[in-house]
Amino acid sequence: FSVKTMSVLAVATSIDALTIGIMFGLLPDVSILS
């Protein structure tokens, strides 16, 4: 559960969320904070 191990896993599992965020930026009715 070291910082190195967890940070690599966290980035790897959240890359798809980055692309979803790009989609949020293109949709007019998304509250980014929510």
PDB file of all heavy atoms in Angstrom:
ATOM      1  N   PHE A   1       0.839  -1.195   0.000  1.00  0.00           N
ATOM      2  CA  PHE A   1       0.000   0.000   0.000  1.00  0.00           C
ATOM      3  C   PHE A   1       0.880   1.253   0.000  1.00  0.00           C
ATOM      4  O   PHE A   1       0.459   2.313   0.442  1.00  0.00           O
ATOM      5  CB  PHE A   1      -0.933   0.000   1.219  1.00  0.00           C
ATOM      6  CG  PHE A   1      -2.063  -0.981   1.085  1.00  0.00           C
ATOM      7  CD1 PHE A   1      -1.885  -2.317   1.408  1.00  0.00           C
ATOM      8  CD2 PHE A   1      -3.296  -0.572   0.625  1.00  0.00           C
ATOM      9  CE1 PHE A   1      -2.923  -3.236   1.284  1.00  0.00           C
ATOM     10  CE2 PHE A   1      -4.347  -1.476   0.498  1.00  0.00           C
ATOM     11  CZ  PHE A   1      -4.149  -2.809   0.827  1.00  0.00           C
ATOM     12  N   SER A   2       2.103   1.125  -0.526  1.00  0.00           N
ATOM     13  CA  SER A   2       3.036   2.255  -0.557  1.00  0.00           C
ATOM     14  C   SER A   2       2.539   3.325  -1.522  1.00  0.00           C
ATOM     15  O   SER A   2       1.710   3.073  -2.406  1.00  0.00           O
ATOM     16  CB  SER A   2       4.427   1.776  -0.999  1.00  0.00           C
ATOM     17  OG  SER A   2       4.405   1.423  -2.367  1.00  0.00           O
ATOM     18  N   VAL A   3       3.065   4.527  -1.357  1.00  0.00           N
ATOM     19  CA  VAL A   3       2.699   5.647  -2.225  1.00  0.00           C
ATOM     20  C   VAL A   3       2.999   5.292  -3.681  1.00  0.00           C
ATOM     21  O   VAL A   3       2.173   5.540  -4.571  1.00  0.00           O
ATOM     22  CB  VAL A   3       3.441   6.940  -1.803  1.00  0.00           C
ATOM     23  CG1 VAL A   3       3.258   8.036  -2.828  1.00  0.00           C
ATOM     24  CG2 VAL A   3       2.968   7.399  -0.434  1.00  0.00           C
ATOM     25  N   LYS A   4       4.151   4.708  -3.930  1.00  0.00           N
ATOM     26  CA  LYS A   4       4.535   4.360  -5.300  1.00  0.00           C
ATOM     27  C   LYS A   4       3.536   3.366  -5.903  1.00  0.00           C
ATOM     28  O   LYS A   4       3.043   3.572  -7.019  1.00  0.00           O
ATOM     29  CB  LYS A   4       5.940   3.762  -5.317  1.00  0.00           C
ATOM     30  CG  LYS A   4       6.415   3.375  -6.691  1.00  0.00           C
ATOM     31  CD  LYS A   4       7.808   2.782  -6.659  1.00  0.00           C
ATOM     32  CE  LYS A   4       8.220   2.310  -8.050  1.00  0.00           C
ATOM     33  NZ  LYS A   4       9.481   1.605  -8.026  1.00  0.00           N
ATOM     34  N   THR A   5       3.231   2.313  -5.192  1.00  0.00           N
ATOM     35  CA  THR A   5       2.309   1.299  -5.698  1.00  0.00           C
ATOM     36  C   THR A   5       0.917   1.870  -5.907  1.00  0.00           C
ATOM     37  O   THR A   5       0.302   1.696  -6.967  1.00  0.00           O
ATOM     38  CB  THR A   5       2.230   0.103  -4.715  1.00  0.00           C
ATOM     39  OG1 THR A   5       3.525  -0.479  -4.615  1.00  0.00           O
ATOM     40  CG2 THR A   5       1.232  -0.934  -5.177  1.00  0.00           C
ATOM     41  N   MET A   6       0.388   2.560  -4.913  1.00  0.00           N
ATOM     42  CA  MET A   6      -0.979   3.068  -4.982  1.00  0.00           C
ATOM     43  C   MET A   6      -1.133   4.178  -6.017  1.00  0.00           C
ATOM     44  O   MET A   6      -2.158   4.252  -6.693  1.00  0.00           O
ATOM     45  CB  MET A   6      -1.451   3.530  -3.606  1.00  0.00           C
ATOM     46  CG  MET A   6      -1.603   2.392  -2.598  1.00  0.00           C
ATOM     47  SD  MET A   6      -2.649   1.032  -3.144  1.00  0.00           S
ATOM     48  CE  MET A   6      -4.223   1.849  -3.279  1.00  0.00           C
ATOM     49  N   SER A   7      -0.115   5.032  -6.167  1.00  0.00           N
ATOM     50  CA  SER A   7      -0.231   6.106  -7.162  1.00  0.00           C
ATOM     51  C   SER A   7      -0.254   5.536  -8.575  1.00  0.00           C
ATOM     52  O   SER A   7      -1.025   6.002  -9.424  1.00  0.00           O
ATOM     53  CB  SER A   7       0.880   7.142  -6.997  1.00  0.00           C
ATOM     54  OG  SER A   7       2.144   6.560  -7.191  1.00  0.00           O
ATOM     55  N   VAL A   8       0.559   4.524  -8.832  1.00  0.00           N
ATOM     56  CA  VAL A   8       0.556   3.901 -10.157  1.00  0.00           C
ATOM     57  C   VAL A   8      -0.800   3.250 -10.427  1.00  0.00           C
ATOM     58  O   VAL A   8      -1.382   3.418 -11.510  1.00  0.00           O
ATOM     59  CB  VAL A   8       1.701   2.864 -10.285  1.00  0.00           C
ATOM     60  CG1 VAL A   8       1.542   2.014 -11.534  1.00  0.00           C
ATOM     61  CG2 VAL A   8       3.050   3.559 -10.287  1.00  0.00           C
ATOM     62  N   LEU A   9      -1.316   2.519  -9.464  1.00  0.00           N
ATOM     63  CA  LEU A   9      -2.626   1.876  -9.628  1.00  0.00           C
ATOM     64  C   LEU A   9      -3.741   2.909  -9.790  1.00  0.00           C
ATOM     65  O   LEU A   9      -4.653   2.730 -10.603  1.00  0.00           O
ATOM     66  CB  LEU A   9      -2.926   0.964  -8.441  1.00  0.00           C
ATOM     67  CG  LEU A   9      -2.090  -0.306  -8.330  1.00  0.00           C
ATOM     68  CD1 LEU A   9      -2.389  -1.028  -7.014  1.00  0.00           C
ATOM     69  CD2 LEU A   9      -2.328  -1.221  -9.515  1.00  0.00           C
ATOM     70  N   ALA A  10      -3.686   3.980  -9.017  1.00  0.00           N
ATOM     71  CA  ALA A  10      -4.723   5.016  -9.083  1.00  0.00           C
ATOM     72  C   ALA A  10      -4.730   5.703 -10.446  1.00  0.00           C
ATOM     73  O   ALA A  10      -5.799   5.948 -11.022  1.00  0.00           O
ATOM     74  CB  ALA A  10      -4.521   6.040  -7.966  1.00  0.00           C
ATOM     75  N   VAL A  11      -3.548   6.004 -10.977  1.00  0.00           N
ATOM     76  CA  VAL A  11      -3.481   6.623 -12.312  1.00  0.00           C
ATOM     77  C   VAL A  11      -3.988   5.640 -13.358  1.00  0.00           C
ATOM     78  O   VAL A  11      -4.791   5.996 -14.230  1.00  0.00           O
ATOM     79  CB  VAL A  11      -2.047   7.102 -12.630  1.00  0.00           C
ATOM     80  CG1 VAL A  11      -1.923   7.490 -14.098  1.00  0.00           C
ATOM     81  CG2 VAL A  11      -1.664   8.280 -11.740  1.00  0.00           C
ATOM     82  N   ALA A  12      -3.532   4.398 -13.279  1.00  0.00           N
ATOM     83  CA  ALA A  12      -3.923   3.392 -14.267  1.00  0.00           C
ATOM     84  C   ALA A  12      -5.432   3.171 -14.302  1.00  0.00           C
ATOM     85  O   ALA A  12      -6.013   3.005 -15.374  1.00  0.00           O
ATOM     86  CB  ALA A  12      -3.207   2.075 -13.988  1.00  0.00           C
ATOM     87  N   THR A  13      -6.079   3.174 -13.140  1.00  0.00           N
ATOM     88  CA  THR A  13      -7.521   2.925 -13.107  1.00  0.00           C
ATOM     89  C   THR A  13      -8.346   4.174 -13.388  1.00  0.00           C
ATOM     90  O   THR A  13      -9.564   4.080 -13.545  1.00  0.00           O
ATOM     91  CB  THR A  13      -7.959   2.344 -11.744  1.00  0.00           C
ATOM     92  OG1 THR A  13      -7.604   3.252 -10.706  1.00  0.00           O
ATOM     93  CG2 THR A  13      -7.340   0.990 -11.499  1.00  0.00           C
ATOM     94  N   SER A  14      -7.717   5.333 -13.478  1.00  0.00           N
ATOM     95  CA  SER A  14      -8.490   6.560 -13.687  1.00  0.00           C
ATOM     96  C   SER A  14      -8.257   7.221 -15.041  1.00  0.00           C
ATOM     97  O   SER A  14      -8.815   8.283 -15.300  1.00  0.00           O
ATOM     98  CB  SER A  14      -8.190   7.560 -12.566  1.00  0.00           C
ATOM     99  OG  SER A  14      -6.840   7.944 -12.582  1.00  0.00           O
ATOM    100  N   ILE A  15      -7.487   6.614 -15.908  1.00  0.00           N
ATOM    101  CA  ILE A  15      -7.275   7.176 -17.246  1.00  0.00           C
ATOM    102  C   ILE A  15      -8.607   7.304 -17.980  1.00  0.00           C
ATOM    103  O   ILE A  15      -8.863   8.293 -18.665  1.00  0.00           O
ATOM    104  CB  ILE A  15      -6.276   6.326 -18.059  1.00  0.00           C
ATOM    105  CG1 ILE A  15      -4.881   6.392 -17.435  1.00  0.00           C
ATOM    106  CG2 ILE A  15      -6.243   6.739 -19.514  1.00  0.00           C
ATOM    107  CD1 ILE A  15      -4.250   7.755 -17.396  1.00  0.00           C
ATOM    108  N   ASP A  16      -9.478   6.303 -17.829  1.00  0.00           N
ATOM    109  CA  ASP A  16     -10.782   6.380 -18.470  1.00  0.00           C
ATOM    110  C   ASP A  16     -11.593   7.567 -17.943  1.00  0.00           C
ATOM    111  O   ASP A  16     -12.346   8.191 -18.677  1.00  0.00           O
ATOM    112  CB  ASP A  16     -11.552   5.073 -18.331  1.00  0.00           C
ATOM    113  CG  ASP A  16     -11.654   4.562 -16.898  1.00  0.00           C
ATOM    114  OD1 ASP A  16     -11.002   5.120 -15.999  1.00  0.00           O
ATOM    115  OD2 ASP A  16     -12.387   3.584 -16.679  1.00  0.00           O
ATOM    116  N   ALA A  17     -11.409   7.918 -16.679  1.00  0.00           N
ATOM    117  CA  ALA A  17     -12.117   9.070 -16.117  1.00  0.00           C
ATOM    118  C   ALA A  17     -11.639  10.374 -16.746  1.00  0.00           C
ATOM    119  O   ALA A  17     -12.411  11.325 -16.864  1.00  0.00           O
ATOM    120  CB  ALA A  17     -11.943   9.111 -14.602  1.00  0.00           C
ATOM    121  N   LEU A  18     -10.382  10.427 -17.158  1.00  0.00           N
ATOM    122  CA  LEU A  18      -9.867  11.608 -17.852  1.00  0.00           C
ATOM    123  C   LEU A  18     -10.618  11.808 -19.163  1.00  0.00           C
ATOM    124  O   LEU A  18     -11.054  12.922 -19.478  1.00  0.00           O
ATOM    125  CB  LEU A  18      -8.366  11.460 -18.114  1.00  0.00           C
ATOM    126  CG  LEU A  18      -7.704  12.598 -18.886  1.00  0.00           C
ATOM    127  CD1 LEU A  18      -7.631  13.860 -18.041  1.00  0.00           C
ATOM    128  CD2 LEU A  18      -6.313  12.181 -19.340  1.00  0.00           C
ATOM    129  N   THR A  19     -10.808  10.733 -19.919  1.00  0.00           N
ATOM    130  CA  THR A  19     -11.522  10.855 -21.184  1.00  0.00           C
ATOM    131  C   THR A  19     -12.991  11.191 -20.969  1.00  0.00           C
ATOM    132  O   THR A  19     -13.581  11.931 -21.755  1.00  0.00           O
ATOM    133  CB  THR A  19     -11.380   9.577 -22.038  1.00  0.00           C
ATOM    134  OG1 THR A  19     -11.886   8.474 -21.318  1.00  0.00           O
ATOM    135  CG2 THR A  19      -9.944   9.319 -22.405  1.00  0.00           C
ATOM    136  N   ILE A  20     -13.567  10.683 -19.892  1.00  0.00           N
ATOM    137  CA  ILE A  20     -14.951  11.036 -19.570  1.00  0.00           C
ATOM    138  C   ILE A  20     -15.026  12.526 -19.238  1.00  0.00           C
ATOM    139  O   ILE A  20     -15.978  13.210 -19.608  1.00  0.00           O
ATOM    140  CB  ILE A  20     -15.483  10.193 -18.391  1.00  0.00           C
ATOM    141  CG1 ILE A  20     -15.526   8.710 -18.758  1.00  0.00           C
ATOM    142  CG2 ILE A  20     -16.844  10.686 -17.931  1.00  0.00           C
ATOM    143  CD1 ILE A  20     -16.391   8.359 -19.935  1.00  0.00           C
ATOM    144  N   GLY A  21     -14.024  13.038 -18.550  1.00  0.00           N
ATOM    145  CA  GLY A  21     -13.971  14.471 -18.247  1.00  0.00           C
ATOM    146  C   GLY A  21     -13.933  15.310 -19.509  1.00  0.00           C
ATOM    147  O   GLY A  21     -14.563  16.375 -19.585  1.00  0.00           O
ATOM    148  N   ILE A  22     -13.199  14.846 -20.513  1.00  0.00           N
ATOM    149  CA  ILE A  22     -13.172  15.559 -21.800  1.00  0.00           C
ATOM    150  C   ILE A  22     -14.579  15.594 -22.377  1.00  0.00           C
ATOM    151  O   ILE A  22     -15.041  16.635 -22.857  1.00  0.00           O
ATOM    152  CB  ILE A  22     -12.175  14.891 -22.775  1.00  0.00           C
ATOM    153  CG1 ILE A  22     -10.742  15.087 -22.264  1.00  0.00           C
ATOM    154  CG2 ILE A  22     -12.338  15.450 -24.189  1.00  0.00           C
ATOM    155  CD1 ILE A  22      -9.691  14.280 -22.999  1.00  0.00           C
ATOM    156  N   MET A  23     -15.279  14.467 -22.299  1.00  0.00           N
ATOM    157  CA  MET A  23     -16.658  14.416 -22.776  1.00  0.00           C
ATOM    158  C   MET A  23     -17.529  15.394 -21.986  1.00  0.00           C
ATOM    159  O   MET A  23     -18.369  16.082 -22.566  1.00  0.00           O
ATOM    160  CB  MET A  23     -17.207  12.999 -22.640  1.00  0.00           C
ATOM    161  CG  MET A  23     -18.630  12.840 -23.151  1.00  0.00           C
ATOM    162  SD  MET A  23     -19.340  11.242 -22.758  1.00  0.00           S
ATOM    163  CE  MET A  23     -19.606  11.397 -20.989  1.00  0.00           C
ATOM    164  N   PHE A  24     -17.330  15.486 -20.666  1.00  0.00           N
ATOM    165  CA  PHE A  24     -18.089  16.435 -19.852  1.00  0.00           C
ATOM    166  C   PHE A  24     -17.897  17.867 -20.348  1.00  0.00           C
ATOM    167  O   PHE A  24     -18.814  18.665 -20.316  1.00  0.00           O
ATOM    168  CB  PHE A  24     -17.680  16.362 -18.385  1.00  0.00           C
ATOM    169  CG  PHE A  24     -18.149  15.156 -17.629  1.00  0.00           C
ATOM    170  CD1 PHE A  24     -17.551  14.816 -16.432  1.00  0.00           C
ATOM    171  CD2 PHE A  24     -19.193  14.365 -18.094  1.00  0.00           C
ATOM    172  CE1 PHE A  24     -17.974  13.709 -15.714  1.00  0.00           C
ATOM    173  CE2 PHE A  24     -19.629  13.256 -17.384  1.00  0.00           C
ATOM    174  CZ  PHE A  24     -19.016  12.931 -16.187  1.00  0.00           C
ATOM    175  N   GLY A  25     -16.683  18.188 -20.767  1.00  0.00           N
ATOM    176  CA  GLY A  25     -16.406  19.524 -21.271  1.00  0.00           C
ATOM    177  C   GLY A  25     -17.143  19.840 -22.557  1.00  0.00           C
ATOM    178  O   GLY A  25     -17.315  21.000 -22.920  1.00  0.00           O
ATOM    179  N   LEU A  26     -17.583  18.802 -23.257  1.00  0.00           N
ATOM    180  CA  LEU A  26     -18.292  18.983 -24.524  1.00  0.00           C
ATOM    181  C   LEU A  26     -19.799  18.983 -24.362  1.00  0.00           C
ATOM    182  O   LEU A  26     -20.519  19.404 -25.258  1.00  0.00           O
ATOM    183  CB  LEU A  26     -17.891  17.876 -25.501  1.00  0.00           C
ATOM    184  CG  LEU A  26     -16.403  17.752 -25.799  1.00  0.00           C
ATOM    185  CD1 LEU A  26     -16.135  16.531 -26.664  1.00  0.00           C
ATOM    186  CD2 LEU A  26     -15.877  19.006 -26.458  1.00  0.00           C
ATOM    187  N   LEU A  27     -20.285  18.489 -23.235  1.00  0.00           N
ATOM    188  CA  LEU A  27     -21.726  18.417 -22.996  1.00  0.00           C
ATOM    189  C   LEU A  27     -22.184  19.655 -22.224  1.00  0.00           C
ATOM    190  O   LEU A  27     -21.584  20.011 -21.220  1.00  0.00           O
ATOM    191  CB  LEU A  27     -22.074  17.149 -22.216  1.00  0.00           C
ATOM    192  CG  LEU A  27     -21.744  15.826 -22.907  1.00  0.00           C
ATOM    193  CD1 LEU A  27     -22.023  14.651 -21.969  1.00  0.00           C
ATOM    194  CD2 LEU A  27     -22.535  15.673 -24.198  1.00  0.00           C
ATOM    195  N   PRO A  28     -23.260  20.292 -22.681  1.00  0.00           N
ATOM    196  CA  PRO A  28     -23.688  21.549 -22.057  1.00  0.00           C
ATOM    197  C   PRO A  28     -24.367  21.393 -20.701  1.00  0.00           C
ATOM    198  O   PRO A  28     -24.396  22.331 -19.922  1.00  0.00           O
ATOM    199  CB  PRO A  28     -24.677  22.124 -23.077  1.00  0.00           C
ATOM    200  CG  PRO A  28     -25.216  20.920 -23.782  1.00  0.00           C
ATOM    201  CD  PRO A  28     -24.081  19.923 -23.825  1.00  0.00           C
ATOM    202  N   ASP A  29     -24.910  20.235 -20.408  1.00  0.00           N
ATOM    203  CA  ASP A  29     -25.733  20.097 -19.206  1.00  0.00           C
ATOM    204  C   ASP A  29     -25.072  19.290 -18.089  1.00  0.00           C
ATOM    205  O   ASP A  29     -25.744  18.662 -17.292  1.00  0.00           O
ATOM    206  CB  ASP A  29     -27.079  19.475 -19.574  1.00  0.00           C
ATOM    207  CG  ASP A  29     -26.937  18.090 -20.197  1.00  0.00           C
ATOM    208  OD1 ASP A  29     -25.823  17.742 -20.622  1.00  0.00           O
ATOM    209  OD2 ASP A  29     -27.943  17.362 -20.250  1.00  0.00           O
ATOM    210  N   VAL A  30     -23.753  19.337 -17.988  1.00  0.00           N
ATOM    211  CA  VAL A  30     -23.052  18.590 -16.943  1.00  0.00           C
ATOM    212  C   VAL A  30     -22.503  19.565 -15.901  1.00  0.00           C
ATOM    213  O   VAL A  30     -21.760  20.480 -16.232  1.00  0.00           O
ATOM    214  CB  VAL A  30     -21.886  17.759 -17.533  1.00  0.00           C
ATOM    215  CG1 VAL A  30     -21.094  17.096 -16.431  1.00  0.00           C
ATOM    216  CG2 VAL A  30     -22.414  16.724 -18.505  1.00  0.00           C
ATOM    217  N   SER A  31     -22.894  19.358 -14.645  1.00  0.00           N
ATOM    218  CA  SER A  31     -22.324  20.123 -13.544  1.00  0.00           C
ATOM    219  C   SER A  31     -21.042  19.404 -13.131  1.00  0.00           C
ATOM    220  O   SER A  31     -21.098  18.327 -12.531  1.00  0.00           O
ATOM    221  CB  SER A  31     -23.294  20.179 -12.368  1.00  0.00           C
ATOM    222  OG  SER A  31     -22.615  20.620 -11.206  1.00  0.00           O
ATOM    223  N   ILE A  32     -19.900  19.967 -13.465  1.00  0.00           N
ATOM    224  CA  ILE A  32     -18.634  19.287 -13.232  1.00  0.00           C
ATOM    225  C   ILE A  32     -18.386  19.041 -11.750  1.00  0.00           C
ATOM    226  O   ILE A  32     -17.867  17.989 -11.377  1.00  0.00           O
ATOM    227  CB  ILE A  32     -17.443  20.027 -13.897  1.00  0.00           C
ATOM    228  CG1 ILE A  32     -16.183  19.161 -13.872  1.00  0.00           C
ATOM    229  CG2 ILE A  32     -17.202  21.366 -13.253  1.00  0.00           C
ATOM    230  CD1 ILE A  32     -16.280  17.867 -14.617  1.00  0.00           C
ATOM    231  N   LEU A  33     -18.777  19.962 -10.890  1.00  0.00           N
ATOM    232  CA  LEU A  33     -18.574  19.753  -9.454  1.00  0.00           C
ATOM    233  C   LEU A  33     -19.392  18.571  -8.935  1.00  0.00           C
ATOM    234  O   LEU A  33     -18.882  17.740  -8.181  1.00  0.00           O
ATOM    235  CB  LEU A  33     -18.901  21.021  -8.674  1.00  0.00           C
ATOM    236  CG  LEU A  33     -17.957  22.204  -8.914  1.00  0.00           C
ATOM    237  CD1 LEU A  33     -18.425  23.417  -8.124  1.00  0.00           C
ATOM    238  CD2 LEU A  33     -16.537  21.835  -8.541  1.00  0.00           C
ATOM    239  N   SER A  34     -20.645  18.475  -9.347  1.00  0.00           N
ATOM    240  CA  SER A  34     -21.484  17.347  -8.942  1.00  0.00           C
ATOM    241  C   SER A  34     -20.932  16.042  -9.505  1.00  0.00           C
ATOM    242  O   SER A  34     -20.884  15.027  -8.813  1.00  0.00           O
ATOM    243  CB  SER A  34     -22.916  17.529  -9.442  1.00  0.00           C
ATOM    244  OG  SER A  34     -23.491  18.666  -8.873  1.00  0.00           O
TER     245      SER A  34
END
